[in-house]
Amino acid sequence: MEWLGEVWRRLLFPFRRQQFDRDLEEEMRFHLDMKAQEAGPAAARRKFGNAALLLEDSREAWGWAAAQSWLDDLRYAARVLRKNPGFAAVAVLTLALGIGATTAVFSVVHAVLLRPLPFRAPDRLAMVWETQEMWGDRSVVSLGNFREWQRQSQSFERLAAFAGDGARMTVGDEPVTIVASRVSDGFFRVLGVQPALGRAFRPEEERPGAPKTAVLSYGFWQRLGGDPNLVGRTVQLDRDVLTVVGVMPKGFAFPAESELWFPLPDSRTDHYLRVVGRLKAGVSMPQAHSEMQTIAARLRQANPAENSGIGAPVVPLPEQIVGEARRALMVLMGAVAC
């Protein structure tokens, strides 16, 4: 129980410091007088040592030296700032703005650069593009090439295509424009995310004449009332009536800001698709890139009229999403931190 008594004495020390100092000074004076009677005043002071230093050492042994030193520094700083109110106001405002800006920018950096993407094994996800001289290094993909990539590629577990689109529908009594995306079969499996309610699309739902279906984002489902029985019901999208087959988990949005997904029609042949794929285990991005360029060369030979000059670069999905923002965000983070 000795340690409990020690803790109790330390806890009481800040409230009894003056009494402690008086008791300690009286005890030190008593010992100094005893030694002075034995050897004389001068010899007693030399043997006893520096009384102020002994007093400070005793305070550290019995009290909270670090906390007391911090409080003393705080009191000194408060006195200095009180004497210079203009400087104090500028200093406080500068610190507030600096801390606020740093916190705000770090929140963006964390969300964009540091936090992993909300997909299963995002380091194995990649975008596959077409390259054409007139359109630049990364351009949209034709349906025919996408189907050939699916058939010939050995580096990807699965490839899926998607295309963003705007659509109008009625929410309550108000017509609203929403961000919709047309996606191929297996799109959600590629990303490793499955609906929280209901199911994803089936292959037959891409075929012409198939019943039209839709998967909703969590946020859009909430705007429609958040009714779990909405799965299986229909919604009006432009002139089409879609049956809701699923609702995605909260926070899922790919492509960015998408609120509704419906099957990709298997009829258009022009260049309008974006392609995402999941690498097989053990396959690196450079290996996948090399294979896709080989496939692109085969397609150029097989159909030079449609594929003249077309390549197929592979870009890691995190790099695709962050893009040029990485350097700008890091420079901005360094600037506000300074």
C-alpha atoms as a PDB file:
ATOM      1  CA  MET A   1       0.000   0.000   0.000  1.00  0.00           C
ATOM      2  CA  GLU A   2       3.056   2.263   0.081  1.00  0.00           C
ATOM      3  CA  TRP A   3       2.615   3.134  -3.609  1.00  0.00           C
ATOM      4  CA  LEU A   4      -0.955   4.237  -2.893  1.00  0.00           C
ATOM      5  CA  GLY A   5       0.280   6.615  -0.216  1.00  0.00           C
ATOM      6  CA  GLU A   6       2.928   7.940  -2.625  1.00  0.00           C
ATOM      7  CA  VAL A   7       0.303   8.610  -5.313  1.00  0.00           C
ATOM      8  CA  TRP A   8      -1.935  10.317  -2.765  1.00  0.00           C
ATOM      9  CA  ARG A   9       0.901  12.599  -1.600  1.00  0.00           C
ATOM     10  CA  ARG A  10       1.691  13.533  -5.201  1.00  0.00           C
ATOM     11  CA  LEU A  11      -1.954  14.301  -5.947  1.00  0.00           C
ATOM     12  CA  LEU A  12      -2.165  16.588  -2.905  1.00  0.00           C
ATOM     13  CA  PHE A  13       1.145  18.322  -3.632  1.00  0.00           C
ATOM     14  CA  PRO A  14      -0.222  21.048  -6.025  1.00  0.00           C
ATOM     15  CA  PHE A  15      -2.788  22.072  -3.375  1.00  0.00           C
ATOM     16  CA  ARG A  16      -0.322  22.025  -0.453  1.00  0.00           C
ATOM     17  CA  ARG A  17       2.757  23.397  -2.168  1.00  0.00           C
ATOM     18  CA  GLN A  18       3.128  26.486   0.061  1.00  0.00           C
ATOM     19  CA  GLN A  19       2.797  24.373   3.198  1.00  0.00           C
ATOM     20  CA  PHE A  20       5.310  21.899   1.746  1.00  0.00           C
ATOM     21  CA  ASP A  21       7.795  24.710   1.031  1.00  0.00           C
ATOM     22  CA  ARG A  22       7.447  26.092   4.563  1.00  0.00           C
ATOM     23  CA  ASP A  23       7.926  22.655   6.131  1.00  0.00           C
ATOM     24  CA  LEU A  24      10.898  21.901   3.891  1.00  0.00           C
ATOM     25  CA  GLU A  25      12.592  25.256   4.608  1.00  0.00           C
ATOM     26  CA  GLU A  26      12.090  24.769   8.348  1.00  0.00           C
ATOM     27  CA  GLU A  27      13.585  21.270   8.194  1.00  0.00           C
ATOM     28  CA  MET A  28      16.556  22.462   6.127  1.00  0.00           C
ATOM     29  CA  ARG A  29      17.159  25.335   8.568  1.00  0.00           C
ATOM     30  CA  PHE A  30      17.067  22.873  11.466  1.00  0.00           C
ATOM     31  CA  HIS A  31      19.732  20.647   9.835  1.00  0.00           C
ATOM     32  CA  LEU A  32      21.836  23.644   8.897  1.00  0.00           C
ATOM     33  CA  ASP A  33      21.727  24.888  12.526  1.00  0.00           C
ATOM     34  CA  MET A  34      22.732  21.454  13.802  1.00  0.00           C
ATOM     35  CA  LYS A  35      25.753  21.336  11.495  1.00  0.00           C
ATOM     36  CA  ALA A  36      26.658  24.956  12.374  1.00  0.00           C
ATOM     37  CA  GLN A  37      26.847  23.959  16.060  1.00  0.00           C
ATOM     38  CA  GLU A  38      29.244  21.134  15.155  1.00  0.00           C
ATOM     39  CA  ALA A  39      31.525  22.843  12.583  1.00  0.00           C
ATOM     40  CA  GLY A  40      30.621  26.519  12.464  1.00  0.00           C
ATOM     41  CA  PRO A  41      28.309  28.458  10.117  1.00  0.00           C
ATOM     42  CA  ALA A  42      30.662  28.685   7.102  1.00  0.00           C
ATOM     43  CA  ALA A  43      31.647  25.022   7.170  1.00  0.00           C
ATOM     44  CA  ALA A  44      28.017  24.004   7.699  1.00  0.00           C
ATOM     45  CA  ARG A  45      26.897  25.930   4.584  1.00  0.00           C
ATOM     46  CA  ARG A  46      29.707  24.381   2.501  1.00  0.00           C
ATOM     47  CA  LYS A  47      28.842  20.873   3.660  1.00  0.00           C
ATOM     48  CA  PHE A  48      25.083  21.330   3.394  1.00  0.00           C
ATOM     49  CA  GLY A  49      25.264  22.614  -0.228  1.00  0.00           C
ATOM     50  CA  ASN A  50      23.023  24.949  -2.253  1.00  0.00           C
ATOM     51  CA  ALA A  51      19.755  25.308  -0.324  1.00  0.00           C
ATOM     52  CA  ALA A  52      17.786  26.598  -3.341  1.00  0.00           C
ATOM     53  CA  LEU A  53      18.924  23.627  -5.456  1.00  0.00           C
ATOM     54  CA  LEU A  54      18.027  21.166  -2.696  1.00  0.00           C
ATOM     55  CA  LEU A  55      14.604  22.790  -2.405  1.00  0.00           C
ATOM     56  CA  GLU A  56      14.006  22.430  -6.163  1.00  0.00           C
ATOM     57  CA  ASP A  57      15.161  18.778  -6.145  1.00  0.00           C
ATOM     58  CA  SER A  58      12.777  18.037  -3.278  1.00  0.00           C
ATOM     59  CA  ARG A  59       9.880  19.584  -5.154  1.00  0.00           C
ATOM     60  CA  GLU A  60      10.645  17.391  -8.186  1.00  0.00           C
ATOM     61  CA  ALA A  61      10.811  14.296  -6.000  1.00  0.00           C
ATOM     62  CA  TRP A  62       7.494  14.992  -4.289  1.00  0.00           C
ATOM     63  CA  GLY A  63       5.496  16.765  -6.986  1.00  0.00           C
ATOM     64  CA  TRP A  64       4.764  16.755 -10.716  1.00  0.00           C
ATOM     65  CA  ALA A  65       7.848  18.490 -12.084  1.00  0.00           C
ATOM     66  CA  ALA A  66       6.963  18.278 -15.794  1.00  0.00           C
ATOM     67  CA  ALA A  67       3.396  19.488 -15.288  1.00  0.00           C
ATOM     68  CA  GLN A  68       4.540  22.286 -12.991  1.00  0.00           C
ATOM     69  CA  SER A  69       7.178  23.395 -15.504  1.00  0.00           C
ATOM     70  CA  TRP A  70       4.540  23.427 -18.254  1.00  0.00           C
ATOM     71  CA  LEU A  71       2.208  25.513 -16.075  1.00  0.00           C
ATOM     72  CA  ASP A  72       5.011  27.943 -15.263  1.00  0.00           C
ATOM     73  CA  ASP A  73       5.802  28.325 -18.977  1.00  0.00           C
ATOM     74  CA  LEU A  74       2.110  28.846 -19.707  1.00  0.00           C
ATOM     75  CA  ARG A  75       1.828  31.562 -17.073  1.00  0.00           C
ATOM     76  CA  TYR A  76       4.938  33.282 -18.442  1.00  0.00           C
ATOM     77  CA  ALA A  77       3.585  33.140 -22.004  1.00  0.00           C
ATOM     78  CA  ALA A  78       0.239  34.558 -20.848  1.00  0.00           C
ATOM     79  CA  ARG A  79       1.997  37.488 -19.161  1.00  0.00           C
ATOM     80  CA  VAL A  80       4.048  38.236 -22.286  1.00  0.00           C
ATOM     81  CA  LEU A  81       0.991  38.060 -24.561  1.00  0.00           C
ATOM     82  CA  ARG A  82      -1.019  40.247 -22.201  1.00  0.00           C
ATOM     83  CA  LYS A  83       1.656  42.937 -22.483  1.00  0.00           C
ATOM     84  CA  ASN A  84       1.510  42.740 -26.334  1.00  0.00           C
ATOM     85  CA  PRO A  85      -2.180  42.305 -27.266  1.00  0.00           C
ATOM     86  CA  GLY A  86      -1.666  43.192 -30.942  1.00  0.00           C
ATOM     87  CA  PHE A  87       1.040  40.589 -31.422  1.00  0.00           C
ATOM     88  CA  ALA A  88      -1.029  38.058 -29.466  1.00  0.00           C
ATOM     89  CA  ALA A  89      -4.070  38.604 -31.711  1.00  0.00           C
ATOM     90  CA  VAL A  90      -1.996  38.211 -34.899  1.00  0.00           C
ATOM     91  CA  ALA A  91      -0.296  35.082 -33.529  1.00  0.00           C
ATOM     92  CA  VAL A  92      -3.582  33.451 -32.511  1.00  0.00           C
ATOM     93  CA  LEU A  93      -5.216  34.323 -35.857  1.00  0.00           C
ATOM     94  CA  THR A  94      -2.222  32.974 -37.802  1.00  0.00           C
ATOM     95  CA  LEU A  95      -2.256  29.734 -35.846  1.00  0.00           C
ATOM     96  CA  ALA A  96      -6.021  29.353 -36.258  1.00  0.00           C
ATOM     97  CA  LEU A  97      -5.863  29.895 -40.015  1.00  0.00           C
ATOM     98  CA  GLY A  98      -2.832  27.643 -40.397  1.00  0.00           C
ATOM     99  CA  ILE A  99      -4.283  24.800 -38.352  1.00  0.00           C
ATOM    100  CA  GLY A 100      -7.668  25.126 -40.067  1.00  0.00           C
ATOM    101  CA  ALA A 101      -6.160  25.133 -43.567  1.00  0.00           C
ATOM    102  CA  THR A 102      -3.856  22.221 -42.758  1.00  0.00           C
ATOM    103  CA  THR A 103      -6.724  20.188 -41.336  1.00  0.00           C
ATOM    104  CA  ALA A 104      -8.937  20.892 -44.347  1.00  0.00           C
ATOM    105  CA  VAL A 105      -6.257  20.031 -46.904  1.00  0.00           C
ATOM    106  CA  PHE A 106      -5.190  16.928 -44.991  1.00  0.00           C
ATOM    107  CA  SER A 107      -8.800  15.723 -45.040  1.00  0.00           C
ATOM    108  CA  VAL A 108      -8.743  15.989 -48.836  1.00  0.00           C
ATOM    109  CA  VAL A 109      -5.299  14.350 -49.081  1.00  0.00           C
ATOM    110  CA  HIS A 110      -6.435  11.511 -46.831  1.00  0.00           C
ATOM    111  CA  ALA A 111      -9.613  10.932 -48.821  1.00  0.00           C
ATOM    112  CA  VAL A 112      -7.896  11.089 -52.227  1.00  0.00           C
ATOM    113  CA  LEU A 113      -4.360   9.773 -51.671  1.00  0.00           C
ATOM    114  CA  LEU A 114      -4.073   7.895 -48.384  1.00  0.00           C
ATOM    115  CA  ARG A 115      -7.362   6.092 -47.883  1.00  0.00           C
ATOM    116  CA  PRO A 116      -7.554   2.876 -49.945  1.00  0.00           C
ATOM    117  CA  LEU A 117     -10.221   2.677 -52.609  1.00  0.00           C
ATOM    118  CA  PRO A 118     -13.466   1.067 -51.362  1.00  0.00           C
ATOM    119  CA  PHE A 119     -13.010  -2.034 -53.516  1.00  0.00           C
ATOM    120  CA  ARG A 120     -11.648  -5.516 -52.870  1.00  0.00           C
ATOM    121  CA  ALA A 121      -7.859  -5.602 -53.503  1.00  0.00           C
ATOM    122  CA  PRO A 122      -7.806  -2.229 -55.331  1.00  0.00           C
ATOM    123  CA  ASP A 123      -4.127  -2.669 -56.266  1.00  0.00           C
ATOM    124  CA  ARG A 124      -5.215  -5.383 -58.754  1.00  0.00           C
ATOM    125  CA  LEU A 125      -7.715  -3.138 -60.537  1.00  0.00           C
ATOM    126  CA  ALA A 126      -6.801  -1.347 -63.764  1.00  0.00           C
ATOM    127  CA  MET A 127      -8.357   0.710 -66.531  1.00  0.00           C
ATOM    128  CA  VAL A 128      -7.772  -0.366 -70.140  1.00  0.00           C
ATOM    129  CA  TRP A 129      -8.006   2.268 -72.843  1.00  0.00           C
ATOM    130  CA  GLU A 130      -7.552   2.636 -76.569  1.00  0.00           C
ATOM    131  CA  THR A 131      -4.856   4.930 -77.974  1.00  0.00           C
ATOM    132  CA  GLN A 132      -5.350   6.891 -81.162  1.00  0.00           C
ATOM    133  CA  GLU A 133      -3.253   9.714 -82.549  1.00  0.00           C
ATOM    134  CA  MET A 134      -6.184  12.100 -83.000  1.00  0.00           C
ATOM    135  CA  TRP A 135      -7.705  11.376 -79.542  1.00  0.00           C
ATOM    136  CA  GLY A 136      -4.614  11.230 -77.355  1.00  0.00           C
ATOM    137  CA  ASP A 137      -3.128   8.538 -75.153  1.00  0.00           C
ATOM    138  CA  ARG A 138      -6.342   7.416 -73.457  1.00  0.00           C
ATOM    139  CA  SER A 139      -9.604   7.263 -75.352  1.00  0.00           C
ATOM    140  CA  VAL A 140     -12.863   5.334 -75.124  1.00  0.00           C
ATOM    141  CA  VAL A 141     -13.204   1.787 -76.425  1.00  0.00           C
ATOM    142  CA  SER A 142     -15.413   0.216 -79.088  1.00  0.00           C
ATOM    143  CA  LEU A 143     -17.753  -2.613 -78.123  1.00  0.00           C
ATOM    144  CA  GLY A 144     -16.097  -4.927 -80.659  1.00  0.00           C
ATOM    145  CA  ASN A 145     -12.624  -4.422 -79.224  1.00  0.00           C
ATOM    146  CA  PHE A 146     -13.933  -4.846 -75.680  1.00  0.00           C
ATOM    147  CA  ARG A 147     -15.451  -8.220 -76.604  1.00  0.00           C
ATOM    148  CA  GLU A 148     -12.161  -9.296 -78.204  1.00  0.00           C
ATOM    149  CA  TRP A 149     -10.232  -8.226 -75.109  1.00  0.00           C
ATOM    150  CA  GLN A 150     -12.560 -10.338 -72.999  1.00  0.00           C
ATOM    151  CA  ARG A 151     -12.064 -13.345 -75.286  1.00  0.00           C
ATOM    152  CA  GLN A 152      -8.289 -13.141 -75.717  1.00  0.00           C
ATOM    153  CA  SER A 153      -6.908 -11.752 -72.464  1.00  0.00           C
ATOM    154  CA  GLN A 154      -5.239 -14.177 -70.033  1.00  0.00           C
ATOM    155  CA  SER A 155      -3.991 -11.550 -67.562  1.00  0.00           C
ATOM    156  CA  PHE A 156      -7.366 -10.465 -66.214  1.00  0.00           C
ATOM    157  CA  GLU A 157      -9.809 -12.450 -64.123  1.00  0.00           C
ATOM    158  CA  ARG A 158     -12.560 -10.398 -65.707  1.00  0.00           C
ATOM    159  CA  LEU A 159     -13.039  -7.256 -67.775  1.00  0.00           C
ATOM    160  CA  ALA A 160     -16.129  -5.038 -67.577  1.00  0.00           C
ATOM    161  CA  ALA A 161     -17.240  -2.002 -69.549  1.00  0.00           C
ATOM    162  CA  PHE A 162     -19.251   1.018 -68.489  1.00  0.00           C
ATOM    163  CA  ALA A 163     -20.475   4.299 -69.927  1.00  0.00           C
ATOM    164  CA  GLY A 164     -21.768   7.298 -68.017  1.00  0.00           C
ATOM    165  CA  ASP A 165     -25.015   8.964 -68.929  1.00  0.00           C
ATOM    166  CA  GLY A 166     -27.485  11.483 -67.578  1.00  0.00           C
ATOM    167  CA  ALA A 167     -31.135  10.567 -67.147  1.00  0.00           C
ATOM    168  CA  ARG A 168     -34.323  12.195 -65.891  1.00  0.00           C
ATOM    169  CA  MET A 169     -36.773  10.668 -63.486  1.00  0.00           C
ATOM    170  CA  THR A 170     -39.347  11.790 -60.965  1.00  0.00           C
ATOM    171  CA  VAL A 171     -38.489  11.779 -57.248  1.00  0.00           C
ATOM    172  CA  GLY A 172     -41.639  12.557 -55.298  1.00  0.00           C
ATOM    173  CA  ASP A 173     -43.351  15.173 -57.432  1.00  0.00           C
ATOM    174  CA  GLU A 174     -40.146  16.709 -58.769  1.00  0.00           C
ATOM    175  CA  PRO A 175     -38.438  15.706 -62.051  1.00  0.00           C
ATOM    176  CA  VAL A 176     -34.700  15.452 -61.402  1.00  0.00           C
ATOM    177  CA  THR A 177     -31.606  14.710 -63.480  1.00  0.00           C
ATOM    178  CA  ILE A 178     -29.494  11.889 -62.080  1.00  0.00           C
ATOM    179  CA  VAL A 179     -26.119  10.408 -62.997  1.00  0.00           C
ATOM    180  CA  ALA A 180     -26.718   6.963 -64.477  1.00  0.00           C
ATOM    181  CA  SER A 181     -24.211   4.430 -65.840  1.00  0.00           C
ATOM    182  CA  ARG A 182     -24.646   1.581 -68.279  1.00  0.00           C
ATOM    183  CA  VAL A 183     -22.498  -1.385 -67.246  1.00  0.00           C
ATOM    184  CA  SER A 184     -21.677  -4.801 -68.686  1.00  0.00           C
ATOM    185  CA  ASP A 185     -22.214  -8.131 -66.979  1.00  0.00           C
ATOM    186  CA  GLY A 186     -19.740  -8.691 -64.117  1.00  0.00           C
ATOM    187  CA  PHE A 187     -19.091  -4.995 -63.525  1.00  0.00           C
ATOM    188  CA  PHE A 188     -19.698  -5.241 -59.763  1.00  0.00           C
ATOM    189  CA  ARG A 189     -17.788  -8.536 -59.509  1.00  0.00           C
ATOM    190  CA  VAL A 190     -14.736  -6.887 -61.105  1.00  0.00           C
ATOM    191  CA  LEU A 191     -14.767  -4.206 -58.404  1.00  0.00           C
ATOM    192  CA  GLY A 192     -15.366  -6.802 -55.699  1.00  0.00           C
ATOM    193  CA  VAL A 193     -18.503  -5.092 -54.360  1.00  0.00           C
ATOM    194  CA  GLN A 194     -21.932  -6.690 -54.295  1.00  0.00           C
ATOM    195  CA  PRO A 195     -25.338  -5.083 -53.643  1.00  0.00           C
ATOM    196  CA  ALA A 196     -26.363  -4.623 -50.023  1.00  0.00           C
ATOM    197  CA  LEU A 197     -29.941  -5.440 -51.048  1.00  0.00           C
ATOM    198  CA  GLY A 198     -31.053  -7.649 -53.901  1.00  0.00           C
ATOM    199  CA  ARG A 199     -28.665  -8.773 -56.636  1.00  0.00           C
ATOM    200  CA  ALA A 200     -26.463  -7.568 -59.481  1.00  0.00           C
ATOM    201  CA  PHE A 201     -27.265  -7.915 -63.177  1.00  0.00           C
ATOM    202  CA  ARG A 202     -27.463 -11.212 -65.049  1.00  0.00           C
ATOM    203  CA  PRO A 203     -25.837 -11.834 -68.450  1.00  0.00           C
ATOM    204  CA  GLU A 204     -29.164 -12.262 -70.221  1.00  0.00           C
ATOM    205  CA  GLU A 205     -30.290  -8.785 -69.140  1.00  0.00           C
ATOM    206  CA  GLU A 206     -27.882  -7.236 -71.677  1.00  0.00           C
ATOM    207  CA  ARG A 207     -29.641  -8.810 -74.630  1.00  0.00           C
ATOM    208  CA  PRO A 208     -32.013  -6.775 -76.794  1.00  0.00           C
ATOM    209  CA  GLY A 209     -35.620  -7.266 -75.741  1.00  0.00           C
ATOM    210  CA  ALA A 210     -34.713  -8.411 -72.202  1.00  0.00           C
ATOM    211  CA  PRO A 211     -36.650  -6.876 -69.267  1.00  0.00           C
ATOM    212  CA  LYS A 212     -34.987  -3.613 -68.259  1.00  0.00           C
ATOM    213  CA  THR A 213     -33.462  -3.633 -64.775  1.00  0.00           C
ATOM    214  CA  ALA A 214     -31.607  -1.208 -62.521  1.00  0.00           C
ATOM    215  CA  VAL A 215     -29.351  -1.154 -59.462  1.00  0.00           C
ATOM    216  CA  LEU A 216     -29.558   1.945 -57.228  1.00  0.00           C
ATOM    217  CA  SER A 217     -26.896   3.677 -55.173  1.00  0.00           C
ATOM    218  CA  TYR A 218     -27.472   3.775 -51.416  1.00  0.00           C
ATOM    219  CA  GLY A 219     -27.926   7.564 -51.455  1.00  0.00           C
ATOM    220  CA  PHE A 220     -30.444   7.494 -54.300  1.00  0.00           C
ATOM    221  CA  TRP A 221     -32.337   4.662 -52.619  1.00  0.00           C
ATOM    222  CA  GLN A 222     -32.586   6.864 -49.516  1.00  0.00           C
ATOM    223  CA  ARG A 223     -33.924   9.738 -51.640  1.00  0.00           C
ATOM    224  CA  LEU A 224     -36.618   7.401 -52.873  1.00  0.00           C
ATOM    225  CA  GLY A 225     -37.636   6.642 -49.286  1.00  0.00           C
ATOM    226  CA  GLY A 226     -35.212   3.879 -48.253  1.00  0.00           C
ATOM    227  CA  ASP A 227     -37.895   1.204 -48.486  1.00  0.00           C
ATOM    228  CA  PRO A 228     -36.273  -2.286 -48.482  1.00  0.00           C
ATOM    229  CA  ASN A 229     -39.306  -3.534 -50.393  1.00  0.00           C
ATOM    230  CA  LEU A 230     -38.365  -1.259 -53.312  1.00  0.00           C
ATOM    231  CA  VAL A 231     -36.331  -4.169 -54.738  1.00  0.00           C
ATOM    232  CA  GLY A 232     -38.594  -5.835 -57.276  1.00  0.00           C
ATOM    233  CA  ARG A 233     -40.600  -2.693 -57.996  1.00  0.00           C
ATOM    234  CA  THR A 234     -40.334  -0.431 -61.045  1.00  0.00           C
ATOM    235  CA  VAL A 235     -39.051   3.123 -61.521  1.00  0.00           C
ATOM    236  CA  GLN A 236     -39.563   5.457 -64.477  1.00  0.00           C
ATOM    237  CA  LEU A 237     -36.304   6.571 -66.122  1.00  0.00           C
ATOM    238  CA  ASP A 238     -36.844   8.873 -69.101  1.00  0.00           C
ATOM    239  CA  ARG A 239     -39.262   6.853 -71.222  1.00  0.00           C
ATOM    240  CA  ASP A 240     -38.149   3.488 -69.863  1.00  0.00           C
ATOM    241  CA  VAL A 241     -39.629   1.525 -66.992  1.00  0.00           C
ATOM    242  CA  LEU A 242     -36.901  -0.282 -65.018  1.00  0.00           C
ATOM    243  CA  THR A 243     -37.277  -2.995 -62.402  1.00  0.00           C
ATOM    244  CA  VAL A 244     -35.046  -2.368 -59.363  1.00  0.00           C
ATOM    245  CA  VAL A 245     -33.068  -5.550 -58.689  1.00  0.00           C
ATOM    246  CA  GLY A 246     -30.530  -4.269 -56.121  1.00  0.00           C
ATOM    247  CA  VAL A 247     -29.168  -1.462 -53.937  1.00  0.00           C
ATOM    248  CA  MET A 248     -25.410  -0.908 -53.564  1.00  0.00           C
ATOM    249  CA  PRO A 249     -23.710  -0.449 -50.155  1.00  0.00           C
ATOM    250  CA  LYS A 250     -23.358   2.995 -48.607  1.00  0.00           C
ATOM    251  CA  GLY A 251     -20.377   4.904 -49.982  1.00  0.00           C
ATOM    252  CA  PHE A 252     -20.078   2.988 -53.256  1.00  0.00           C
ATOM    253  CA  ALA A 253     -19.936   5.256 -56.312  1.00  0.00           C
ATOM    254  CA  PHE A 254     -18.149   4.130 -59.461  1.00  0.00           C
ATOM    255  CA  PRO A 255     -17.933   5.870 -61.799  1.00  0.00           C
ATOM    256  CA  ALA A 256     -17.863   8.858 -59.476  1.00  0.00           C
ATOM    257  CA  GLU A 257     -21.253  10.224 -58.402  1.00  0.00           C
ATOM    258  CA  SER A 258     -23.244   7.473 -60.168  1.00  0.00           C
ATOM    259  CA  GLU A 259     -26.690   7.054 -58.641  1.00  0.00           C
ATOM    260  CA  LEU A 260     -28.123   4.310 -60.835  1.00  0.00           C
ATOM    261  CA  TRP A 261     -26.725   1.512 -62.987  1.00  0.00           C
ATOM    262  CA  PHE A 262     -28.488  -0.428 -65.729  1.00  0.00           C
ATOM    263  CA  PRO A 263     -27.294  -3.113 -68.205  1.00  0.00           C
ATOM    264  CA  LEU A 264     -25.152  -2.122 -71.134  1.00  0.00           C
ATOM    265  CA  PRO A 265     -27.015  -2.654 -74.443  1.00  0.00           C
ATOM    266  CA  ASP A 266     -25.211  -5.104 -76.714  1.00  0.00           C
ATOM    267  CA  SER A 267     -26.079  -3.205 -79.894  1.00  0.00           C
ATOM    268  CA  ARG A 268     -23.904  -0.069 -80.277  1.00  0.00           C
ATOM    269  CA  THR A 269     -20.562  -0.655 -81.985  1.00  0.00           C
ATOM    270  CA  ASP A 270     -18.981   2.804 -81.845  1.00  0.00           C
ATOM    271  CA  HIS A 271     -16.293   3.983 -79.431  1.00  0.00           C
ATOM    272  CA  TYR A 272     -18.043   5.007 -76.207  1.00  0.00           C
ATOM    273  CA  LEU A 273     -16.979   2.563 -73.486  1.00  0.00           C
ATOM    274  CA  ARG A 274     -14.544   2.701 -70.602  1.00  0.00           C
ATOM    275  CA  VAL A 275     -13.088  -0.609 -69.448  1.00  0.00           C
ATOM    276  CA  VAL A 276     -12.012  -1.757 -65.976  1.00  0.00           C
ATOM    277  CA  GLY A 277     -10.436  -5.109 -65.170  1.00  0.00           C
ATOM    278  CA  ARG A 278      -9.154  -7.190 -62.264  1.00  0.00           C
ATOM    279  CA  LEU A 279      -5.732  -8.806 -62.660  1.00  0.00           C
ATOM    280  CA  LYS A 280      -5.279 -12.473 -61.933  1.00  0.00           C
ATOM    281  CA  ALA A 281      -3.194 -13.350 -58.872  1.00  0.00           C
ATOM    282  CA  GLY A 282       0.512 -13.148 -59.656  1.00  0.00           C
ATOM    283  CA  VAL A 283       0.102 -10.978 -62.775  1.00  0.00           C
ATOM    284  CA  SER A 284       1.764  -7.559 -62.636  1.00  0.00           C
ATOM    285  CA  MET A 285       0.592  -4.361 -64.297  1.00  0.00           C
ATOM    286  CA  PRO A 286       3.526  -4.362 -66.781  1.00  0.00           C
ATOM    287  CA  GLN A 287       2.703  -7.959 -67.777  1.00  0.00           C
ATOM    288  CA  ALA A 288      -0.946  -7.063 -68.359  1.00  0.00           C
ATOM    289  CA  HIS A 289       0.074  -3.976 -70.331  1.00  0.00           C
ATOM    290  CA  SER A 290       2.381  -6.037 -72.547  1.00  0.00           C
ATOM    291  CA  GLU A 291      -0.315  -8.648 -73.199  1.00  0.00           C
ATOM    292  CA  MET A 292      -2.952  -6.025 -74.081  1.00  0.00           C
ATOM    293  CA  GLN A 293      -0.569  -4.363 -76.528  1.00  0.00           C
ATOM    294  CA  THR A 294      -0.020  -7.758 -78.163  1.00  0.00           C
ATOM    295  CA  ILE A 295      -3.780  -8.264 -78.442  1.00  0.00           C
ATOM    296  CA  ALA A 296      -4.136  -4.765 -79.936  1.00  0.00           C
ATOM    297  CA  ALA A 297      -1.498  -5.640 -82.562  1.00  0.00           C
ATOM    298  CA  ARG A 298      -3.476  -8.771 -83.505  1.00  0.00           C
ATOM    299  CA  LEU A 299      -6.643  -6.705 -83.863  1.00  0.00           C
ATOM    300  CA  ARG A 300      -4.840  -4.186 -86.093  1.00  0.00           C
ATOM    301  CA  GLN A 301      -3.755  -7.011 -88.392  1.00  0.00           C
ATOM    302  CA  ALA A 302      -7.192  -8.672 -88.366  1.00  0.00           C
ATOM    303  CA  ASN A 303      -9.160  -5.448 -88.946  1.00  0.00           C
ATOM    304  CA  PRO A 304      -6.876  -2.623 -90.111  1.00  0.00           C
ATOM    305  CA  ALA A 305      -9.774  -0.423 -91.227  1.00  0.00           C
ATOM    306  CA  GLU A 306     -11.252  -0.253 -87.709  1.00  0.00           C
ATOM    307  CA  ASN A 307      -8.086  -0.581 -85.613  1.00  0.00           C
ATOM    308  CA  SER A 308      -5.405   1.310 -87.484  1.00  0.00           C
ATOM    309  CA  GLY A 309      -3.001   2.861 -84.984  1.00  0.00           C
ATOM    310  CA  ILE A 310      -4.976   1.639 -81.947  1.00  0.00           C
ATOM    311  CA  GLY A 311      -3.144   0.369 -78.849  1.00  0.00           C
ATOM    312  CA  ALA A 312      -4.439  -0.800 -75.479  1.00  0.00           C
ATOM    313  CA  PRO A 313      -2.588   0.755 -72.500  1.00  0.00           C
ATOM    314  CA  VAL A 314      -3.235  -0.534 -68.969  1.00  0.00           C
ATOM    315  CA  VAL A 315      -3.382   2.067 -66.178  1.00  0.00           C
ATOM    316  CA  PRO A 316      -3.648   1.138 -62.459  1.00  0.00           C
ATOM    317  CA  LEU A 317      -7.031   2.280 -61.148  1.00  0.00           C
ATOM    318  CA  PRO A 318      -5.621   4.315 -58.189  1.00  0.00           C
ATOM    319  CA  GLU A 319      -3.363   6.193 -60.616  1.00  0.00           C
ATOM    320  CA  GLN A 320      -6.289   6.715 -62.991  1.00  0.00           C
ATOM    321  CA  ILE A 321      -8.509   8.167 -60.261  1.00  0.00           C
ATOM    322  CA  VAL A 322      -5.844  10.378 -58.675  1.00  0.00           C
ATOM    323  CA  GLY A 323      -4.158  11.373 -61.948  1.00  0.00           C
ATOM    324  CA  GLU A 324      -2.491  14.771 -61.911  1.00  0.00           C
ATOM    325  CA  ALA A 325      -4.082  15.638 -58.575  1.00  0.00           C
ATOM    326  CA  ARG A 326      -1.393  13.779 -56.576  1.00  0.00           C
ATOM    327  CA  ARG A 327       1.413  16.270 -57.178  1.00  0.00           C
ATOM    328  CA  ALA A 328      -0.855  19.293 -56.792  1.00  0.00           C
ATOM    329  CA  LEU A 329      -2.307  18.012 -53.521  1.00  0.00           C
ATOM    330  CA  MET A 330       1.119  17.208 -52.055  1.00  0.00           C
ATOM    331  CA  VAL A 331       2.426  20.667 -52.984  1.00  0.00           C
ATOM    332  CA  LEU A 332      -0.671  22.260 -51.453  1.00  0.00           C
ATOM    333  CA  MET A 333      -0.291  20.139 -48.300  1.00  0.00           C
ATOM    334  CA  GLY A 334       3.339  21.235 -47.929  1.00  0.00           C
ATOM    335  CA  ALA A 335       2.414  24.877 -48.467  1.00  0.00           C
ATOM    336  CA  VAL A 336      -0.318  25.004 -45.817  1.00  0.00           C
ATOM    337  CA  ALA A 337       1.824  23.007 -43.385  1.00  0.00           C
ATOM    338  CA  CYS A 338       4.597  25.608 -43.720  1.00  0.00           C
END
